[in-house]
Amino acid sequence: MDLAYIPSPSTGVIDLGPIPLRGYAFCIIIGVFVAVWLGNKRWIARGGRAGTVADIAVWAVPFGLVGGRLYHVITDYQLYFSDGEDWVDAFKIWQGGLGIWGAIALGAVGAWIGCRRRGIPLPAWADALAPGIAVAQACGRWGNWFNQELYGRETDVPWALKISEGPNRVAGTYHPTFLYESLWCIGVALLVIWADRRFKLGHGRAFALYVASYCAGRAWIEYMRVDEAHHILGLRLNVWTALIVFVLAVVYMVISAKVRPGREEIVEPGEPGEPGEPKAPDAVEAEDAKSDDAKSDDAKSDDAEAGDAKSEGAKSEGAAVESDASKTEDAAETAKG
């Protein structure tokens, strides 16, 4: 008899009148809001404008959802296109099934479009958003708890997850891999925040650190799962994906640090004359030029005033000389008389 375990919800849907509130979707929505909120604070701290992260997220989030679903459907195609399966289920995203690899890849495309429209470097934006993405993943993993999916091997540890009988699952207690990954993602977010403050990461290196550290945890967590998956050389496909992406992220960090050390000075061009906003280099140069012109005009004005003063002094001396001469002539005439 199990004395302690994590219970699973009896249903993943709560009906609010005619509106069904699905736990999986709710967790994803919460994650998106937290990511945008934290990313916005970090972006402002880097010198960007408030609201820019949300504006670009309008492009990144839809692309990411499509990419995540595509990756899941392609890598688990047997769940939708095998005999006896309904291919329409591939569009039922609320039933679960988002691949983080596809979400990040296609989400980056959407972010690139948004950044390009705003004249913002994508690596700087990704650095600001990296911890928020990790927190969003931590929130989103609880959607698997609502759906009773993606758990690990059977276990009797006190924190085991109790799964009820249902389609494609057997009742029992299993490793709560959703909880392991959620906690790991929180640790990843804290690591990236600390490293960014300590080493002033820039040019996409904070994002690469997030990717590498997430993959390190995903590899061993994925290895514990027992849900159906494709295997290559005895390892699950997602384990291989995590290992490959981990290596790529580390290589990027090393090369980027050598090629582009430090971090970006200006992350978002500002409109000239807007108080408190970052200004573009052209605007700064223009203001410096205006300042130099103003100084030159002031110098010319000072020279002109000095010249006027000298002229008035000369006139005054001339008048004094004429006055003395007039007095002398008067005195001479008086003596003659």
Foldseek 3Di string as FASTA:
>chain_A
DFPAEAEFDPAQWDDPDPDIDGNLVVLLVVLLVQLLVQLQVLQVVLFADRPLSVQLVVQLQVQLQVQQLVVQCVFPVCQAPPPPHPVVCSPVCSLDGGHNVRSVVRSLVSSVVSCVVQVFDSLQSLLSSQLSNLLSLLSNLCSCSNNVDFFFAADSPNHWYFDDDDPPDDTHTTHGLSNVLSVQSNVLSVVLVVCCVVFVDAPNLSNLSSLLSSLVSCLVSNQGTDHDGDDDPRGGPSNVVSVVSNVVSVVCNVVCCVPPNHHDNDRGDDDPPDPSHHHDPVSVVVVVVVVVVVVVVVVVVVVVVVVVVVVVVVVVVVVVVVVVVVVVVVVVVVVVD
